[in-house]
C-alpha atoms as a PDB file:
ATOM      1  CA  MET A   1     -56.253  16.672  -1.322  1.00  0.00           C
ATOM      2  CA  LYS A   2     -57.675  14.060   0.998  1.00  0.00           C
ATOM      3  CA  PHE A   3     -56.488  14.068   4.623  1.00  0.00           C
ATOM      4  CA  PRO A   4     -56.972  11.350   7.271  1.00  0.00           C
ATOM      5  CA  ALA A   5     -60.400  10.929   8.871  1.00  0.00           C
ATOM      6  CA  LEU A   6     -61.191  14.073  10.850  1.00  0.00           C
ATOM      7  CA  ARG A   7     -62.156  13.574  14.437  1.00  0.00           C
ATOM      8  CA  SER A   8     -63.229  16.922  15.851  1.00  0.00           C
ATOM      9  CA  LEU A   9     -66.467  18.727  15.054  1.00  0.00           C
ATOM     10  CA  ALA A  10     -64.554  21.593  13.474  1.00  0.00           C
ATOM     11  CA  ALA A  11     -62.568  19.183  11.354  1.00  0.00           C
ATOM     12  CA  LEU A  12     -65.723  17.389  10.251  1.00  0.00           C
ATOM     13  CA  LEU A  13     -66.827  20.598   8.597  1.00  0.00           C
ATOM     14  CA  PHE A  14     -63.859  20.139   6.314  1.00  0.00           C
ATOM     15  CA  ALA A  15     -64.270  16.433   5.605  1.00  0.00           C
ATOM     16  CA  GLY A  16     -65.805  17.147   2.231  1.00  0.00           C
ATOM     17  CA  ALA A  17     -62.886  19.391   1.423  1.00  0.00           C
ATOM     18  CA  ALA A  18     -60.458  16.694   2.316  1.00  0.00           C
ATOM     19  CA  LEU A  19     -62.224  14.367  -0.097  1.00  0.00           C
ATOM     20  CA  ALA A  20     -62.256  16.988  -2.803  1.00  0.00           C
ATOM     21  CA  LEU A  21     -58.600  17.695  -2.293  1.00  0.00           C
ATOM     22  CA  SER A  22     -57.908  14.106  -3.175  1.00  0.00           C
ATOM     23  CA  SER A  23     -59.713  14.589  -6.537  1.00  0.00           C
ATOM     24  CA  CYS A  24     -57.135  15.927  -5.984  1.00  0.00           C
ATOM     25  CA  THR A  25     -32.473  12.788   1.137  1.00  0.00           C
ATOM     26  CA  ASN A  26     -33.606  10.483   3.740  1.00  0.00           C
ATOM     27  CA  THR A  27     -33.875   7.101   2.090  1.00  0.00           C
ATOM     28  CA  THR A  28     -34.741   3.780   3.637  1.00  0.00           C
ATOM     29  CA  SER A  29     -35.552   0.398   2.164  1.00  0.00           C
ATOM     30  CA  SER A  30     -38.946   0.143   0.524  1.00  0.00           C
ATOM     31  CA  GLY A  31     -40.108  -2.236   3.243  1.00  0.00           C
ATOM     32  CA  SER A  32     -39.987   0.278   6.072  1.00  0.00           C
ATOM     33  CA  ALA A  33     -42.471   3.111   6.361  1.00  0.00           C
ATOM     34  CA  TYR A  34     -42.133   6.632   7.685  1.00  0.00           C
ATOM     35  CA  THR A  35     -43.977   9.876   7.191  1.00  0.00           C
ATOM     36  CA  SER A  36     -43.723  12.059   4.133  1.00  0.00           C
ATOM     37  CA  PHE A  37     -42.389  14.982   6.171  1.00  0.00           C
ATOM     38  CA  LYS A  38     -39.154  13.031   6.732  1.00  0.00           C
ATOM     39  CA  PHE A  39     -38.682  12.449   3.011  1.00  0.00           C
ATOM     40  CA  ASP A  40     -36.534  15.017   1.225  1.00  0.00           C
ATOM     41  CA  PRO A  41     -35.625  13.708  -2.239  1.00  0.00           C
ATOM     42  CA  PRO A  42     -32.287  14.619  -3.797  1.00  0.00           C
ATOM     43  CA  VAL A  43     -32.495  16.665  -6.988  1.00  0.00           C
ATOM     44  CA  LYS A  44     -30.198  16.523  -9.982  1.00  0.00           C
ATOM     45  CA  GLN A  45     -30.113  19.962 -11.547  1.00  0.00           C
ATOM     46  CA  PRO A  46     -31.354  19.998 -15.158  1.00  0.00           C
ATOM     47  CA  THR A  47     -29.365  21.133 -18.154  1.00  0.00           C
ATOM     48  CA  GLY A  48     -31.592  24.030 -19.124  1.00  0.00           C
ATOM     49  CA  SER A  49     -35.366  23.625 -19.216  1.00  0.00           C
ATOM     50  CA  ALA A  50     -35.773  21.693 -22.482  1.00  0.00           C
ATOM     51  CA  GLY A  51     -36.801  18.057 -22.407  1.00  0.00           C
ATOM     52  CA  ILE A  52     -38.059  17.881 -18.836  1.00  0.00           C
ATOM     53  CA  ARG A  53     -41.004  15.499 -18.359  1.00  0.00           C
ATOM     54  CA  VAL A  54     -42.949  14.102 -15.443  1.00  0.00           C
ATOM     55  CA  LYS A  55     -43.574  10.349 -15.550  1.00  0.00           C
ATOM     56  CA  MET A  56     -46.155   8.994 -13.148  1.00  0.00           C
ATOM     57  CA  SER A  57     -46.912   5.366 -12.263  1.00  0.00           C
ATOM     58  CA  THR A  58     -50.315   4.905 -10.675  1.00  0.00           C
ATOM     59  CA  GLY A  59     -49.715   1.194 -10.051  1.00  0.00           C
ATOM     60  CA  ALA A  60     -46.458   1.682  -8.145  1.00  0.00           C
ATOM     61  CA  GLN A  61     -47.466   5.117  -6.791  1.00  0.00           C
ATOM     62  CA  ARG A  62     -44.221   6.628  -7.999  1.00  0.00           C
ATOM     63  CA  LEU A  63     -43.386   9.868  -9.810  1.00  0.00           C
ATOM     64  CA  TYR A  64     -40.200  10.672 -11.719  1.00  0.00           C
ATOM     65  CA  VAL A  65     -39.051  13.993 -13.126  1.00  0.00           C
ATOM     66  CA  VAL A  66     -36.719  13.218 -16.015  1.00  0.00           C
ATOM     67  CA  GLN A  67     -34.686  15.017 -18.634  1.00  0.00           C
ATOM     68  CA  GLY A  68     -33.788  12.662 -21.445  1.00  0.00           C
ATOM     69  CA  ASP A  69     -32.447   9.530 -19.752  1.00  0.00           C
ATOM     70  CA  GLN A  70     -31.516  11.373 -16.549  1.00  0.00           C
ATOM     71  CA  VAL A  71     -33.736  11.105 -13.463  1.00  0.00           C
ATOM     72  CA  LEU A  72     -33.823  14.518 -11.811  1.00  0.00           C
ATOM     73  CA  LEU A  73     -36.104  13.554  -8.926  1.00  0.00           C
ATOM     74  CA  ALA A  74     -38.042  10.476  -7.810  1.00  0.00           C
ATOM     75  CA  THR A  75     -40.707  10.298  -5.134  1.00  0.00           C
ATOM     76  CA  PRO A  76     -43.512   8.173  -3.719  1.00  0.00           C
ATOM     77  CA  ILE A  77     -46.978   9.615  -4.353  1.00  0.00           C
ATOM     78  CA  CYS A  78     -50.618   8.876  -3.533  1.00  0.00           C
ATOM     79  CA  VAL A  79     -53.084   8.527  -6.423  1.00  0.00           C
ATOM     80  CA  GLY A  80     -56.784   8.080  -7.038  1.00  0.00           C
ATOM     81  CA  THR A  81     -58.794   5.049  -5.997  1.00  0.00           C
ATOM     82  CA  ALA A  82     -60.349   2.598  -8.456  1.00  0.00           C
ATOM     83  CA  GLY A  83     -63.643   4.440  -8.098  1.00  0.00           C
ATOM     84  CA  ALA A  84     -62.067   7.852  -8.676  1.00  0.00           C
ATOM     85  CA  PRO A  85     -58.876   7.166 -10.631  1.00  0.00           C
ATOM     86  CA  THR A  86     -56.136   9.553 -11.591  1.00  0.00           C
ATOM     87  CA  PRO A  87     -56.587  10.098 -15.342  1.00  0.00           C
ATOM     88  CA  HIS A  88     -54.134   8.293 -17.622  1.00  0.00           C
ATOM     89  CA  GLY A  89     -52.576   9.837 -20.680  1.00  0.00           C
ATOM     90  CA  THR A  90     -50.147  12.608 -21.572  1.00  0.00           C
ATOM     91  CA  PHE A  91     -51.043  16.104 -20.432  1.00  0.00           C
ATOM     92  CA  PRO A  92     -49.223  19.434 -20.265  1.00  0.00           C
ATOM     93  CA  ILE A  93     -49.029  21.197 -16.934  1.00  0.00           C
ATOM     94  CA  ARG A  94     -51.761  23.786 -17.359  1.00  0.00           C
ATOM     95  CA  ALA A  95     -51.247  25.939 -14.290  1.00  0.00           C
ATOM     96  CA  LYS A  96     -49.002  26.336 -11.250  1.00  0.00           C
ATOM     97  CA  GLN A  97     -49.975  28.044  -8.018  1.00  0.00           C
ATOM     98  CA  MET A  98     -48.005  27.736  -4.814  1.00  0.00           C
ATOM     99  CA  GLN A  99     -50.604  29.357  -2.538  1.00  0.00           C
ATOM    100  CA  ARG A 100     -53.754  27.709  -3.812  1.00  0.00           C
ATOM    101  CA  ARG A 101     -56.823  27.167  -1.657  1.00  0.00           C
ATOM    102  CA  ARG A 102     -60.027  25.325  -2.299  1.00  0.00           C
ATOM    103  CA  ALA A 103     -62.616  27.783  -3.604  1.00  0.00           C
ATOM    104  CA  SER A 104     -65.853  25.798  -3.277  1.00  0.00           C
ATOM    105  CA  GLU A 105     -67.783  24.400  -0.341  1.00  0.00           C
ATOM    106  CA  PRO A 106     -67.508  22.397   1.754  1.00  0.00           C
ATOM    107  CA  GLY A 107     -64.081  23.350   3.009  1.00  0.00           C
ATOM    108  CA  SER A 108     -63.513  26.615   1.217  1.00  0.00           C
ATOM    109  CA  GLY A 109     -60.039  27.842   2.048  1.00  0.00           C
ATOM    110  CA  TYR A 110     -58.425  24.431   2.535  1.00  0.00           C
ATOM    111  CA  PRO A 111     -54.754  24.598   1.399  1.00  0.00           C
ATOM    112  CA  MET A 112     -53.696  22.860  -1.822  1.00  0.00           C
ATOM    113  CA  THR A 113     -50.050  23.873  -1.587  1.00  0.00           C
ATOM    114  CA  TYR A 114     -47.775  23.656  -4.660  1.00  0.00           C
ATOM    115  CA  TRP A 115     -50.686  23.051  -7.019  1.00  0.00           C
ATOM    116  CA  MET A 116     -49.638  21.832 -10.489  1.00  0.00           C
ATOM    117  CA  GLU A 117     -52.706  21.244 -12.648  1.00  0.00           C
ATOM    118  CA  PHE A 118     -52.337  18.704 -15.451  1.00  0.00           C
ATOM    119  CA  SER A 119     -55.827  17.629 -16.531  1.00  0.00           C
ATOM    120  CA  GLY A 120     -58.776  19.995 -16.547  1.00  0.00           C
ATOM    121  CA  PRO A 121     -59.477  22.134 -13.493  1.00  0.00           C
ATOM    122  CA  ALA A 122     -60.066  19.105 -11.271  1.00  0.00           C
ATOM    123  CA  TYR A 123     -56.797  17.145 -11.439  1.00  0.00           C
ATOM    124  CA  GLY A 124     -53.380  18.206 -10.291  1.00  0.00           C
ATOM    125  CA  MET A 125     -50.355  17.389  -8.173  1.00  0.00           C
ATOM    126  CA  HIS A 126     -49.922  19.085  -4.803  1.00  0.00           C
ATOM    127  CA  TRP A 127     -48.820  18.576  -1.226  1.00  0.00           C
ATOM    128  CA  GLY A 128     -50.996  16.195   0.794  1.00  0.00           C
ATOM    129  CA  PHE A 129     -50.873  13.322   3.240  1.00  0.00           C
ATOM    130  CA  VAL A 130     -49.407  10.274   1.465  1.00  0.00           C
ATOM    131  CA  LYS A 131     -50.569   6.718   2.018  1.00  0.00           C
ATOM    132  CA  PRO A 132     -49.057   3.492   0.649  1.00  0.00           C
ATOM    133  CA  TYR A 133     -52.239   2.729  -1.294  1.00  0.00           C
ATOM    134  CA  PRO A 134     -54.529   4.753  -3.629  1.00  0.00           C
ATOM    135  CA  ALA A 135     -56.574   7.105  -1.462  1.00  0.00           C
ATOM    136  CA  THR A 136     -57.482  10.256  -3.398  1.00  0.00           C
ATOM    137  CA  HIS A 137     -60.344  11.271  -5.659  1.00  0.00           C
ATOM    138  CA  GLY A 138     -58.045  11.523  -8.659  1.00  0.00           C
ATOM    139  CA  CYS A 139     -55.457  14.142  -7.779  1.00  0.00           C
ATOM    140  CA  VAL A 140     -51.893  13.251  -6.863  1.00  0.00           C
ATOM    141  CA  ARG A 141     -50.647  13.910  -3.347  1.00  0.00           C
ATOM    142  CA  LEU A 142     -46.942  14.564  -2.883  1.00  0.00           C
ATOM    143  CA  PRO A 143     -44.663  14.685   0.162  1.00  0.00           C
ATOM    144  CA  LEU A 144     -44.070  18.326   1.067  1.00  0.00           C
ATOM    145  CA  ASN A 145     -40.424  18.559  -0.028  1.00  0.00           C
ATOM    146  CA  SER A 146     -41.176  16.573  -3.177  1.00  0.00           C
ATOM    147  CA  ALA A 147     -43.942  19.018  -4.062  1.00  0.00           C
ATOM    148  CA  ARG A 148     -41.699  22.004  -3.352  1.00  0.00           C
ATOM    149  CA  LYS A 149     -38.858  20.693  -5.510  1.00  0.00           C
ATOM    150  CA  ILE A 150     -41.027  19.448  -8.390  1.00  0.00           C
ATOM    151  CA  PHE A 151     -42.739  22.850  -8.440  1.00  0.00           C
ATOM    152  CA  GLY A 152     -39.316  24.401  -9.055  1.00  0.00           C
ATOM    153  CA  LEU A 153     -38.376  21.962 -11.825  1.00  0.00           C
ATOM    154  CA  VAL A 154     -41.497  22.111 -13.993  1.00  0.00           C
ATOM    155  CA  LYS A 155     -43.226  24.919 -15.822  1.00  0.00           C
ATOM    156  CA  VAL A 156     -46.543  25.459 -17.550  1.00  0.00           C
ATOM    157  CA  GLY A 157     -46.392  23.215 -20.603  1.00  0.00           C
ATOM    158  CA  THR A 158     -44.155  20.516 -19.079  1.00  0.00           C
ATOM    159  CA  PRO A 159     -45.536  17.125 -20.247  1.00  0.00           C
ATOM    160  CA  VAL A 160     -46.943  14.749 -17.642  1.00  0.00           C
ATOM    161  CA  ASP A 161     -47.136  11.081 -18.676  1.00  0.00           C
ATOM    162  CA  VAL A 162     -49.539   9.111 -16.479  1.00  0.00           C
ATOM    163  CA  ALA A 163     -49.696   5.321 -16.872  1.00  0.00           C
ATOM    164  CA  THR A 164     -50.276   2.209 -14.802  1.00  0.00           C
ATOM    165  CA  SER A 165     -46.518   1.572 -14.772  1.00  0.00           C
ATOM    166  CA  GLN A 166     -43.255   3.146 -15.868  1.00  0.00           C
ATOM    167  CA  PRO A 167     -39.958   1.401 -16.729  1.00  0.00           C
ATOM    168  CA  LEU A 168     -38.300   3.270 -13.844  1.00  0.00           C
ATOM    169  CA  ASP A 169     -40.534   1.421 -11.359  1.00  0.00           C
ATOM    170  CA  ALA A 170     -38.212  -1.581 -11.635  1.00  0.00           C
ATOM    171  CA  THR A 171     -35.054   0.423 -10.924  1.00  0.00           C
ATOM    172  CA  VAL A 172     -35.231   3.843  -9.289  1.00  0.00           C
ATOM    173  CA  GLY A 173     -38.752   3.243  -8.007  1.00  0.00           C
ATOM    174  CA  LYS A 174     -37.725   0.191  -6.012  1.00  0.00           C
ATOM    175  CA  SER A 175     -35.218   2.179  -3.965  1.00  0.00           C
ATOM    176  CA  LEU A 176     -37.808   4.687  -2.736  1.00  0.00           C
ATOM    177  CA  PRO A 177     -39.148   4.350   0.808  1.00  0.00           C
ATOM    178  CA  ARG A 178     -42.620   3.291   1.818  1.00  0.00           C
ATOM    179  CA  ILE A 179     -44.433   6.367   3.115  1.00  0.00           C
ATOM    180  CA  ASP A 180     -47.502   6.231   5.341  1.00  0.00           C
ATOM    181  CA  ASP A 181     -49.015   9.356   6.898  1.00  0.00           C
ATOM    182  CA  SER A 182     -52.101   7.514   8.188  1.00  0.00           C
ATOM    183  CA  ALA A 183     -51.218   7.926  11.868  1.00  0.00           C
ATOM    184  CA  LEU A 184     -50.385  11.633  11.709  1.00  0.00           C
ATOM    185  CA  PRO A 185     -52.706  13.987  13.606  1.00  0.00           C
ATOM    186  CA  ASN A 186     -54.572  16.590  11.607  1.00  0.00           C
ATOM    187  CA  PRO A 187     -53.125  20.096  11.859  1.00  0.00           C
ATOM    188  CA  PRO A 188     -55.550  22.549  13.510  1.00  0.00           C
ATOM    189  CA  MET A 189     -57.936  24.204  11.097  1.00  0.00           C
ATOM    190  CA  SER A 190     -56.837  27.580  12.451  1.00  0.00           C
ATOM    191  CA  TYR A 191     -53.349  26.756  11.190  1.00  0.00           C
ATOM    192  CA  LEU A 192     -54.452  25.343   7.828  1.00  0.00           C
ATOM    193  CA  LEU A 193     -56.524  28.453   7.127  1.00  0.00           C
ATOM    194  CA  SER A 194     -53.757  30.864   8.127  1.00  0.00           C
ATOM    195  CA  PRO A 195     -51.004  32.372   5.912  1.00  0.00           C
ATOM    196  CA  GLN A 196     -48.496  30.492   8.068  1.00  0.00           C
ATOM    197  CA  VAL A 197     -49.247  27.242   6.258  1.00  0.00           C
ATOM    198  CA  PHE A 198     -47.785  28.681   3.050  1.00  0.00           C
ATOM    199  CA  SER A 199     -44.764  30.380   4.605  1.00  0.00           C
ATOM    200  CA  ASP A 200     -43.930  27.112   6.390  1.00  0.00           C
ATOM    201  CA  ALA A 201     -44.352  25.100   3.181  1.00  0.00           C
ATOM    202  CA  GLU A 202     -41.836  27.343   1.405  1.00  0.00           C
ATOM    203  CA  LYS A 203     -39.299  26.282   4.047  1.00  0.00           C
ATOM    204  CA  GLY A 204     -40.095  22.595   3.537  1.00  0.00           C
ATOM    205  CA  LYS A 205     -41.877  22.150   6.854  1.00  0.00           C
ATOM    206  CA  MET A 206     -45.401  22.219   8.208  1.00  0.00           C
ATOM    207  CA  TRP A 207     -46.983  22.543  11.647  1.00  0.00           C
ATOM    208  CA  ASN A 208     -45.063  20.395  14.166  1.00  0.00           C
ATOM    209  CA  PHE A 209     -44.263  17.439  11.922  1.00  0.00           C
END
């Protein structure tokens, strides 16, 4: 949802969209930071589709896909600020759409790749620039490969538990890297508005990152 501050005039036209979008196995120590495009979380294949849940920690900015006591995938995330928090509670995934774009102005057409809606029409998980602190307007930004793999693990109806903390924060969560996309340049708007952005995302890449 929210991207870094846009510098060009063309990008400024999409600043509102970037804000609205935040409403919406390379592992390092948690002390070192790198960009989300270098993070490709390992996935443990589930035993069928029953019992899969998403557990989200807004305090630690961590997300875990679990099946029973097995962690299928763990990833850093970026959540809503104190003024526009990610809603807490237990929600079913209401909709999934890989090639979703923002429909309203400003910024109609902005990509919201791997959209997984979990609370009303306004809140979902999707690909977006990740920062090591809350920076969205309530949605949950995911590293690209995390979004791609989570999208394949969950289905409409999968429960999403959102809380300030999760027990896994103290174990699996501590081994996850610190991700910071703050210094990344913004992809050209011509690219973000093209079909290429979706075909690249399906391959786990984007632009020249």
